[in-house]
Protein backbone atom coordinates (compact mmCIF):
# COMPACT_ATOMS: atom_id res chain seq x y z
CA UNK A 1 109.95 164.21 80.61
CA UNK A 2 112.06 166.91 77.77
CA UNK A 3 115.53 166.38 77.96
CA UNK A 4 118.41 169.24 79.25
CA UNK A 5 120.34 169.75 76.16
CA UNK A 6 124.32 170.90 77.68
CA UNK A 7 125.54 174.96 77.56
CA UNK A 8 127.60 173.47 73.80
CA UNK A 9 124.48 171.99 72.06
CA UNK A 10 123.29 176.03 70.92
CA UNK A 11 121.89 174.98 68.13
CA UNK A 12 118.92 172.99 66.05
CA UNK A 13 121.65 170.57 64.53
CA UNK A 14 123.72 170.74 67.56
CA UNK A 15 120.49 169.02 69.78
CA UNK A 16 119.45 167.35 67.36
CA UNK A 17 122.74 165.48 67.20
CA UNK A 18 122.49 164.88 71.13
CA UNK A 19 119.48 163.79 70.61
CA UNK A 20 120.84 160.91 68.03
CA UNK A 21 123.47 160.83 69.67
CA UNK A 22 120.94 159.59 72.88
CA UNK A 23 119.12 157.46 71.29
CA UNK A 24 122.31 155.54 70.15
CA UNK A 25 123.63 155.13 73.54
CA UNK A 26 120.31 153.37 74.37
CA UNK A 27 120.85 151.41 70.92
CA UNK A 28 124.24 149.85 73.17
CA UNK A 29 123.00 149.46 75.83
CA UNK A 30 120.30 147.36 74.93
CA UNK A 31 121.74 144.81 72.95
CA UNK A 32 125.07 145.11 75.85
CA UNK A 33 122.34 144.21 78.54
CA UNK A 34 120.53 141.74 75.51
CA UNK A 35 124.34 139.80 75.72
CA UNK A 36 124.22 139.68 78.98
CA UNK A 37 120.58 137.43 79.34
CA UNK A 38 122.47 135.56 76.03
CA UNK A 39 125.17 134.65 78.54
CA UNK A 40 122.86 133.60 81.14
CA UNK A 41 124.35 136.41 83.27
CA UNK A 42 121.28 138.02 83.64
CA UNK A 43 117.61 136.76 83.67
CA UNK A 44 114.96 137.68 80.69
CA UNK A 45 112.51 137.99 83.88
CA UNK A 46 115.13 140.83 85.25
CA UNK A 47 115.31 142.01 81.61
CA UNK A 48 112.19 142.51 80.18
CA UNK A 49 111.92 144.58 83.19
CA UNK A 50 115.05 146.79 83.16
CA UNK A 51 113.46 147.26 79.67
CA UNK A 52 109.83 148.24 80.35
CA UNK A 53 110.72 150.20 83.42
CA UNK A 54 114.19 151.72 82.72
CA UNK A 55 114.78 151.63 79.14
CA UNK A 56 111.63 152.09 77.41
CA UNK A 57 110.57 155.34 79.78
CA UNK A 58 114.13 157.11 78.54
CA UNK A 59 113.72 156.14 75.29
CA UNK A 60 110.63 158.07 74.97
CA UNK A 61 111.26 160.60 76.45
CA UNK A 62 114.22 161.21 73.69
CA UNK A 63 112.26 160.87 71.05
CA UNK A 64 109.86 163.28 72.69
CA UNK A 65 112.22 165.82 72.90
CA UNK A 66 113.85 165.58 69.79
CA UNK A 67 110.32 166.19 68.29
CA UNK A 68 109.62 168.95 69.83
CA UNK A 69 113.19 170.80 69.17
CA UNK A 70 112.02 174.48 66.89
CA UNK A 71 111.93 174.20 63.22
CA UNK A 72 112.00 169.85 63.56
CA UNK A 73 108.71 169.88 64.93
CA UNK A 74 106.82 172.08 61.76
CA UNK A 75 107.57 168.52 60.07
CA UNK A 76 106.28 166.45 62.71
CA UNK A 77 102.51 165.60 61.34
CA UNK A 78 100.20 165.97 64.39
CA UNK A 79 99.57 162.04 64.44
CA UNK A 80 102.55 161.78 65.63
CA UNK A 81 102.76 163.39 68.34
CA UNK A 82 98.89 161.70 69.18
CA UNK A 83 100.26 157.98 68.90
CA UNK A 84 104.28 159.04 71.09
CA UNK A 85 101.48 160.14 73.38
CA UNK A 86 98.98 157.11 72.82
CA UNK A 87 102.59 154.57 72.81
CA UNK A 88 103.09 155.93 76.21
CA UNK A 89 99.79 155.45 77.83
CA UNK A 90 99.90 151.77 76.08
CA UNK A 91 97.23 151.74 74.49
CA UNK A 92 97.20 150.24 70.24
CA UNK A 93 98.49 152.61 67.71
CA UNK A 94 98.15 151.32 64.32
CA UNK A 95 96.77 153.56 60.72
CA UNK A 96 98.38 156.84 60.31
CA UNK A 97 99.45 157.07 63.26
CA UNK A 98 101.36 153.86 63.07
CA UNK A 99 102.89 155.63 59.40
CA UNK A 100 103.76 158.68 61.96
CA UNK A 101 105.73 157.01 64.12
CA UNK A 102 107.44 154.92 61.45
CA UNK A 103 108.39 158.59 59.09
CA UNK A 104 109.47 160.35 61.64
CA UNK A 105 111.74 158.05 63.36
CA UNK A 106 113.49 157.72 60.36
CA UNK A 107 114.04 160.87 59.15
CA UNK A 108 116.50 163.42 60.25
CA UNK A 109 119.55 164.40 57.70
CA UNK A 110 121.86 164.36 60.97
CA UNK A 111 120.52 161.39 62.21
CA UNK A 112 123.36 159.45 60.62
CA UNK A 113 126.63 161.47 61.64
CA UNK A 114 125.03 161.89 65.09
CA UNK A 115 125.23 158.06 66.25
CA UNK A 116 128.97 157.98 65.00
CA UNK A 117 129.41 161.19 66.67
CA UNK A 118 131.46 159.86 70.46
CA UNK A 119 132.41 163.51 71.24
CA UNK A 120 128.87 164.70 72.91
CA UNK A 121 129.26 160.99 75.28
CA UNK A 122 131.18 163.20 77.58
CA UNK A 123 127.93 165.70 78.42
CA UNK A 124 125.46 161.89 78.60
CA UNK A 125 124.91 160.39 81.93
CA UNK A 126 122.49 157.34 80.84
CA UNK A 127 121.47 156.92 84.17
CA UNK A 128 120.03 160.73 84.84
CA UNK A 129 118.09 160.31 81.32
CA UNK A 130 114.70 161.51 81.68
CA UNK A 131 112.04 159.23 81.37
CA UNK A 132 108.53 160.00 79.70
CA UNK A 133 105.89 159.84 82.04
CA UNK A 134 102.55 159.95 80.90
CA UNK A 135 99.92 162.74 82.40
CA UNK A 136 97.60 160.86 84.38
CA UNK A 137 99.77 158.32 85.27
CA UNK A 138 99.52 156.12 88.83
CA UNK A 139 102.17 154.16 90.08
CA UNK A 140 101.49 151.20 91.90
CA UNK A 141 103.18 151.86 95.76
CA UNK A 142 103.46 147.11 95.99
CA UNK A 143 106.21 144.74 94.39
CA UNK A 144 105.00 142.45 91.34
CA UNK A 145 105.60 139.28 92.69
CA UNK A 146 105.45 138.06 88.84
CA UNK A 147 108.49 139.69 87.99
CA UNK A 148 110.59 138.23 90.93
CA UNK A 149 112.33 134.76 89.15
CA UNK A 150 111.56 131.12 91.39
CA UNK A 151 112.42 128.52 92.11
CA UNK A 152 111.28 125.32 93.16
CA UNK A 153 107.97 123.95 93.98
CA UNK A 154 104.38 123.73 95.49
CA UNK A 155 103.52 127.60 95.17
CA UNK A 156 101.61 129.09 92.65
CA UNK A 157 102.32 133.67 92.32
CA UNK A 158 100.72 136.09 91.13
CA UNK A 159 100.57 140.05 90.96
CA UNK A 160 100.55 141.08 94.42
CA UNK A 161 100.02 137.55 96.20
CA UNK A 162 102.13 134.16 96.15
CA UNK A 163 99.41 130.81 97.29
CA UNK A 164 101.41 127.96 98.46
CA UNK A 165 99.78 124.44 98.50
CA UNK A 166 101.56 122.68 100.30
CA UNK A 167 105.29 123.91 100.63
CA UNK A 168 108.22 121.96 102.50
CA UNK A 169 110.50 124.27 104.44
CA UNK A 170 112.79 122.28 103.39
CA UNK A 171 112.61 122.76 99.52
CA UNK A 172 114.88 124.97 97.72
CA UNK A 173 111.80 127.24 97.43
CA UNK A 174 112.10 130.69 97.36
CA UNK A 175 111.48 133.60 94.89
CA UNK A 176 114.54 136.94 94.47
CA UNK A 177 114.85 139.79 92.25
CA UNK A 178 118.41 142.22 92.51
CA UNK A 179 117.50 145.05 94.10
CA UNK A 180 119.54 147.06 96.77
CA UNK A 181 117.74 148.16 99.37
CA UNK A 182 120.96 150.52 101.73
CA UNK A 183 120.22 153.38 104.39
CA UNK A 184 117.06 153.31 106.72
CA UNK A 185 113.87 151.40 105.35
CA UNK A 186 110.87 150.72 106.05
CA UNK A 187 108.59 147.55 104.68
CA UNK A 188 105.75 145.78 105.36
CA UNK A 189 104.56 142.41 104.22
CA UNK A 190 101.21 140.46 104.76
CA UNK A 191 100.67 137.06 105.52
CA UNK A 192 99.36 134.27 106.87
CA UNK A 193 99.05 130.26 107.06
CA UNK A 194 95.92 128.03 106.65
CA UNK A 195 97.29 124.45 108.39
CA UNK A 196 100.54 122.83 108.33
CA UNK A 197 102.02 119.55 109.49
CA UNK A 198 104.01 120.39 111.81
CA UNK A 199 107.51 123.19 112.48
CA UNK A 200 107.84 125.88 109.76
CA UNK A 201 110.25 128.84 109.09
CA UNK A 202 109.46 129.72 105.81
CA UNK A 203 110.01 133.24 105.46
CA UNK A 204 107.32 135.67 103.40
CA UNK A 205 110.69 138.87 103.82
CA UNK A 206 114.59 138.67 102.89
CA UNK A 207 117.07 141.64 102.25
CA UNK A 208 120.32 140.41 101.41
CA UNK A 209 123.34 139.98 99.69
CA UNK A 210 122.49 136.26 98.22
CA UNK A 211 120.10 133.91 97.24
CA UNK A 212 119.59 130.16 98.72
CA UNK A 213 117.69 128.64 101.88
CA UNK A 214 118.52 131.06 105.07
CA UNK A 215 118.75 128.59 107.22
CA UNK A 216 121.48 126.03 106.23
CA UNK A 217 123.19 129.16 104.46
CA UNK A 218 121.39 132.37 102.64
CA UNK A 219 125.14 131.74 100.72
CA UNK A 220 128.43 129.63 102.33
CA UNK A 221 129.65 131.34 105.10
CA UNK A 222 126.81 133.08 106.22
CA UNK A 223 124.99 136.31 104.76
CA UNK A 224 124.10 139.61 105.36
CA UNK A 225 120.83 139.33 105.84
CA UNK A 226 117.00 140.49 107.63
CA UNK A 227 114.41 138.36 107.26
CA UNK A 228 110.78 138.89 109.14
CA UNK A 229 107.71 136.40 108.97
CA UNK A 230 104.73 137.31 111.43
CA UNK A 231 103.76 133.43 111.33
CA UNK A 232 106.48 131.47 112.03
CA UNK A 233 105.70 128.08 113.49
CA UNK A 234 107.36 126.11 116.47
CA UNK A 235 104.82 123.02 117.92
CA UNK A 236 106.88 124.56 121.66
CA UNK A 237 105.32 127.91 120.40
CA UNK A 238 102.36 127.56 117.77
CA UNK A 239 102.56 130.70 115.45
CA UNK A 240 104.83 133.33 116.32
CA UNK A 241 106.75 136.25 115.25
CA UNK A 242 110.58 136.13 114.21
CA UNK A 243 113.12 138.23 113.15
CA UNK A 244 116.40 137.21 111.69
CA UNK A 245 119.37 138.74 110.76
CA UNK A 246 122.22 136.74 108.74
CA UNK A 247 121.86 132.92 108.23
CA UNK A 248 120.09 133.18 112.41
CA UNK A 249 123.09 134.88 113.37
CA UNK A 250 121.22 136.73 116.01
CA UNK A 251 117.80 135.91 115.94
CA UNK A 252 114.61 137.91 118.26
CA UNK A 253 111.44 135.20 118.86
CA UNK A 254 107.41 137.01 119.98
CA UNK A 255 105.92 133.25 121.43
CA UNK A 256 103.10 135.71 122.46
CA UNK A 257 101.84 137.02 120.15
CA UNK A 258 98.71 134.27 120.25
CA UNK A 259 98.74 133.72 116.52
CA UNK A 260 96.14 131.88 114.89
CA UNK A 261 96.01 129.93 111.92
CA UNK A 262 93.88 130.88 109.16
CA UNK A 263 94.08 134.75 110.38
CA UNK A 264 96.06 137.33 108.02
CA UNK A 265 98.47 139.35 109.71
CA UNK A 266 100.34 141.96 108.62
CA UNK A 267 103.65 143.41 109.52
CA UNK A 268 106.37 146.23 109.43
CA UNK A 269 110.04 145.88 109.03
CA UNK A 270 112.56 149.01 109.69
CA UNK A 271 116.48 149.76 110.02
CA UNK A 272 117.43 152.65 111.47
CA UNK A 273 120.89 153.40 111.08
CA UNK A 274 121.34 155.86 113.67
CA UNK A 275 120.39 153.26 116.49
CA UNK A 276 123.29 151.45 117.48
CA UNK A 277 127.08 150.69 115.80
CA UNK A 278 125.56 149.15 113.04
CA UNK A 279 122.71 150.13 112.66
CA UNK A 280 119.05 147.91 114.61
CA UNK A 281 115.63 146.86 112.96
CA UNK A 282 112.80 145.92 113.93
CA UNK A 283 109.22 143.97 113.25
CA UNK A 284 106.05 144.93 113.94
CA UNK A 285 103.11 142.75 113.65
CA UNK A 286 99.19 144.41 113.00
CA UNK A 287 96.03 142.45 113.54
CA UNK A 288 94.99 144.84 110.73
CA UNK A 289 96.07 146.20 107.21
CA UNK A 290 96.28 149.86 108.65
CA UNK A 291 98.38 148.65 110.78
CA UNK A 292 97.30 150.24 114.10
CA UNK A 293 96.42 147.59 116.48
CA UNK A 294 99.93 146.31 117.57
CA UNK A 295 100.21 142.80 118.30
CA UNK A 296 103.69 142.24 118.29
CA UNK A 297 107.58 144.48 118.84
CA UNK A 298 111.31 143.34 118.05
CA UNK A 299 114.42 144.73 118.13
CA UNK A 300 117.64 143.41 116.80
CA UNK A 301 120.71 145.73 117.63
CA UNK A 302 123.08 144.14 113.80
CA UNK A 303 126.04 142.88 113.86
CA UNK A 304 127.51 143.96 110.55
CA UNK A 305 127.11 147.46 108.41
CA UNK A 306 126.52 149.67 106.90
CA UNK A 307 125.52 146.80 104.59
CA UNK A 308 123.67 147.20 101.03
CA UNK A 309 121.02 144.90 100.37
CA UNK A 310 120.93 143.15 96.22
CA UNK A 311 118.39 140.77 97.00
CA UNK A 312 115.09 141.34 97.95
CA UNK A 313 113.23 137.23 98.19
CA UNK A 314 109.15 137.62 98.68
CA UNK A 315 109.37 133.41 99.50
CA UNK A 316 112.61 131.29 101.42
CA UNK A 317 112.15 128.33 102.62
CA UNK A 318 114.52 127.15 105.45
CA UNK A 319 116.22 124.12 104.46
CA UNK A 320 114.99 122.91 108.38
CA UNK A 321 112.54 121.43 108.87
CA UNK A 322 111.05 118.53 106.78
CA UNK A 323 106.82 119.36 107.38
CA UNK A 324 104.81 121.60 104.73
CA UNK A 325 101.52 123.95 105.04
CA UNK A 326 98.99 125.84 103.41
CA UNK A 327 99.68 129.34 103.22
CA UNK A 328 99.43 133.28 101.12
CA UNK A 329 101.90 135.71 101.49
CA UNK A 330 101.39 139.41 99.89
CA UNK A 331 101.30 143.25 99.46
CA UNK A 332 105.05 143.22 99.36
CA UNK A 333 106.00 147.27 99.70
CA UNK A 334 109.31 147.98 100.09
CA UNK A 335 108.66 151.80 100.27
CA UNK A 336 106.09 151.99 102.69
CA UNK A 337 103.71 155.27 103.85
CA UNK A 338 100.48 155.53 105.95
CA UNK A 339 97.61 155.34 104.14
CA UNK A 340 97.66 159.44 106.35
CA UNK A 341 100.50 160.53 104.88
CA UNK A 342 98.99 163.66 103.16
CA UNK A 343 101.95 166.56 102.31
CA UNK A 344 102.40 166.41 106.01
CA UNK A 345 106.35 166.15 106.44
CA UNK A 346 106.78 163.06 108.82
CA UNK A 347 109.38 160.88 110.73
CA UNK A 348 109.52 157.00 111.93
CA UNK A 349 110.39 156.80 115.42
CA UNK A 350 110.73 153.08 115.17
CA UNK A 351 106.85 152.06 115.97
CA UNK A 352 104.75 155.40 114.36
CA UNK A 353 104.84 157.79 111.68
CA UNK A 354 104.61 161.36 114.09
CA UNK A 355 104.95 164.82 112.79
CA UNK A 356 108.75 166.40 111.93
CA UNK A 357 110.42 168.30 114.33
CA UNK A 358 109.69 171.81 112.72
CA UNK A 359 111.19 175.44 112.66
CA UNK A 360 111.60 178.37 110.83
CA UNK A 361 114.05 178.46 107.77
CA UNK A 362 115.23 182.46 105.76
CA UNK A 363 112.47 181.95 102.83
CA UNK A 364 109.54 181.09 105.31
CA UNK A 365 109.57 177.67 105.21
CA UNK A 366 109.49 175.63 107.97
CA UNK A 367 110.88 171.74 107.95
CA UNK A 368 113.83 169.82 110.43
CA UNK A 369 115.21 167.13 110.03
CA UNK A 370 117.32 163.64 111.36
CA UNK A 371 120.80 164.92 111.11
CA UNK A 372 122.52 164.20 108.40
CA UNK A 373 125.36 161.23 108.83
CA UNK A 374 127.59 159.18 107.27
CA UNK A 375 129.76 156.62 107.68
CA UNK A 376 133.22 157.28 108.44
CA UNK A 377 134.54 153.21 107.84
CA UNK A 378 133.37 152.74 111.38
CA UNK A 379 130.42 154.69 113.20
CA UNK A 380 127.91 156.82 112.27
CA UNK A 381 129.01 160.01 112.57
CA UNK A 382 126.77 164.02 112.27
CA UNK A 383 127.96 165.43 109.34
CA UNK A 384 128.49 169.26 109.28
CA UNK A 385 126.06 170.92 107.45
CA UNK A 386 127.07 174.85 108.36
CA UNK A 387 126.33 176.78 106.25
CA UNK A 388 123.58 174.63 104.33
């Protein structure tokens, strides 16, 4: 939670200047992001999320560090620290606590010096600046759908649920957020179709490097993407699962799942960069939320790689069918782990979590993970970790 000071910042005054310079850099960054919103380069929703998840926690951590400095803390009334903790928990601040906040934040002799002292910038990396983490804070692992950008009609959005009410598959219906997915991953999403008028391919999960209708080209000239749905519908198959790589460059269908309308299906999407030349993606569909009863499994050897996907799309029409459906997509999890993951080191085999192979280490602990690998431009190679 507190800052780590560089060796050069050894005195109370220099540490105060260091804190205030970071505070000024954060202010400048805030203004730069705001300018991107005004120019149309960044959505207001994306800016608000960055402000909540990145900027505000770091700003509070800087203030906390500043007011913990020896000598300086003595000038801080107890109402200030009480207010700071309440602020971190998102509680209302008023009265003496609000006055303390206003007074202390504008009180220091080095403040004006620090704001313009760029010599400290060589020691500042805002991306590594710690974040304020209130005691007892809990993190919701599921994606907040309301934080995603939307386009189209026929659907409504709640925190963890997208409700499709007569959504046409040939429309430009989509949701998206700029979010990078790289390396191995295990994602999860739930979906069901209640009713439909015909062939329907709208997806509840896509990671990609572009935004658009997936079937007709999520971006012009074939984008890099992975898409999956446990509840696709085609008249010749019924409800089936579909795993897709880039503009239908490559896909694996499972038409024997015996899927039905009005039933929730629970899926996992897995990428393993160690399997195949460019990695392999797997799709799994289950009948239960705990993902223990497997109904379908598919695998695709990827044709490009390694790809860092820069967008997540929890809703995307194909543009291929003029049919519509009522359906629900829910509980997108981009950091999925089983509920039984309780401090025991595990690895993912492509179908299930198992205890990692263990061997003794010099310090008495036990750990052995998959070999560390790197991309040499044409293939994955094992990194020599001798002596590490």
